Structure formats: structure tokens, C-alpha cells
Amino acid sequence: MSCGFRIEQYTPAIGAEIFGVDLNTLAEDQEAKDAVYDALVKYKVIFFRDQELCCLQMLIWNWLEALENLNHSTQSILTQIVQLK
């Protein structure tokens, strides 16, 4: 992989671990972000070990990335669900 990290699949059906990526700087590297997203789509579940993130950083990063990649209709549904709470 040209991004400088490697992906190890856990099982043939689902899951992989990504080594050599720093989630604190991932937003600055579009190629790496795309590769991580592709891994998530392919393996459905991805793991990052030994990351120094606070809970708020993780939540913000996950929500922003998820919303960035969702289509408009799905975003509308999520918005309606959040407004119901």
C-alpha cells in the first residue's frame, strides 16, 4: 500500500487491523483517508491499536467521516432521527 501502512485481515468474512496509521494526522492525508475508508467498506470492521485519542476526538472524527461519505437521502434520515431524540 502506498500510504505507508498495512492492513491485516482477521477473518475471511469480516474485520481487519490497520497498522502504521496515526488517526490524529489522518485528516491531512487524503490518500490515506481514502485507503482507510476503502478498508472499512471492504472489511466492514477495522481496528486501530495504540492510538492516543480522547473520546471526543473519536466521536467527531467518526461522525464527520461517516457523514462525508453518506448520500443525501441517508443524511436526511439521520437528521430526522437525531431531531426525534
Protein backbone atom coordinates (compact mmCIF):
# COMPACT_ATOMS: atom_id res chain seq x y z
CA MET A 1 0.00 0.00 0.00
CA SER A 2 1.44 3.37 -0.99
CA CYS A 3 0.07 5.19 2.09
CA GLY A 4 2.75 3.74 4.33
CA PHE A 5 0.56 1.45 6.39
CA ARG A 6 -0.56 -2.13 6.10
CA ILE A 7 -3.85 -3.95 6.53
CA GLU A 8 -4.12 -7.42 8.06
CA GLN A 9 -7.41 -9.26 7.56
CA TYR A 10 -8.79 -11.01 10.70
CA THR A 11 -11.18 -13.49 9.13
CA PRO A 12 -12.28 -14.27 5.57
CA ALA A 13 -15.73 -12.83 6.34
CA ILE A 14 -15.17 -9.62 8.32
CA GLY A 15 -12.63 -7.45 10.10
CA ALA A 16 -9.12 -6.12 9.60
CA GLU A 17 -6.47 -4.30 11.60
CA ILE A 18 -4.65 -1.30 10.17
CA PHE A 19 -1.04 -0.83 11.26
CA GLY A 20 1.13 2.25 10.86
CA VAL A 21 -1.52 4.96 10.67
CA ASP A 22 -1.88 7.90 13.08
CA LEU A 23 -5.53 8.88 13.33
CA ASN A 24 -4.54 12.30 14.68
CA THR A 25 -3.00 13.23 11.33
CA LEU A 26 -5.20 11.19 9.01
CA ALA A 27 -7.38 14.18 8.07
CA GLU A 28 -4.34 15.84 6.48
CA ASP A 29 -3.68 12.95 4.06
CA GLN A 30 -6.47 12.41 1.52
CA GLU A 31 -4.83 9.31 0.02
CA ALA A 32 -4.60 7.69 3.46
CA LYS A 33 -8.18 8.70 4.33
CA ASP A 34 -9.40 7.12 1.10
CA ALA A 35 -7.44 3.93 1.80
CA VAL A 36 -8.88 3.67 5.33
CA TYR A 37 -12.39 4.25 4.01
CA ASP A 38 -11.87 1.59 1.31
CA ALA A 39 -10.71 -0.83 4.00
CA LEU A 40 -13.81 -0.09 6.07
CA VAL A 41 -16.04 -0.79 3.08
CA LYS A 42 -14.17 -3.98 2.22
CA TYR A 43 -13.75 -5.46 5.72
CA LYS A 44 -16.81 -3.89 7.44
CA VAL A 45 -14.93 -3.55 10.75
CA ILE A 46 -11.46 -2.06 11.16
CA PHE A 47 -9.23 -1.80 14.23
CA PHE A 48 -6.51 0.71 15.10
CA ARG A 49 -4.30 -0.14 18.07
CA ASP A 50 -2.28 2.19 20.28
CA GLN A 51 -3.97 5.44 19.24
CA GLU A 52 -3.87 8.46 21.55
CA LEU A 53 -7.34 9.91 21.01
CA CYS A 54 -9.76 11.29 23.55
CA CYS A 55 -13.38 10.16 23.33
CA LEU A 56 -14.50 13.46 21.83
CA GLN A 57 -11.87 13.26 19.07
CA MET A 58 -13.03 9.75 18.19
CA LEU A 59 -16.69 10.72 18.08
CA ILE A 60 -16.09 13.83 16.00
CA TRP A 61 -13.79 12.03 13.57
CA ASN A 62 -16.19 9.11 13.14
CA TRP A 63 -19.29 11.26 12.63
CA LEU A 64 -17.61 13.66 10.19
CA GLU A 65 -16.16 10.85 8.13
CA ALA A 66 -19.44 8.94 8.10
CA LEU A 67 -21.47 11.99 7.08
CA GLU A 68 -18.95 12.94 4.41
CA ASN A 69 -19.41 9.57 2.73
CA LEU A 70 -23.16 9.14 3.06
CA ASN A 71 -25.51 10.07 0.27
CA HIS A 72 -28.01 12.90 0.72
CA SER A 73 -31.06 10.74 1.42
CA THR A 74 -29.28 8.86 4.21
CA GLN A 75 -28.16 12.16 5.73
CA SER A 76 -31.79 13.33 5.76
CA ILE A 77 -32.86 10.18 7.58
CA LEU A 78 -30.09 10.61 10.18
CA THR A 79 -31.05 14.24 10.69
CA GLN A 80 -34.67 13.25 11.32
CA ILE A 81 -33.62 10.55 13.80
CA VAL A 82 -31.39 12.96 15.73
CA GLN A 83 -34.19 15.56 15.85
CA LEU A 84 -36.54 12.96 17.34
CA LYS A 85 -34.27 12.39 20.34
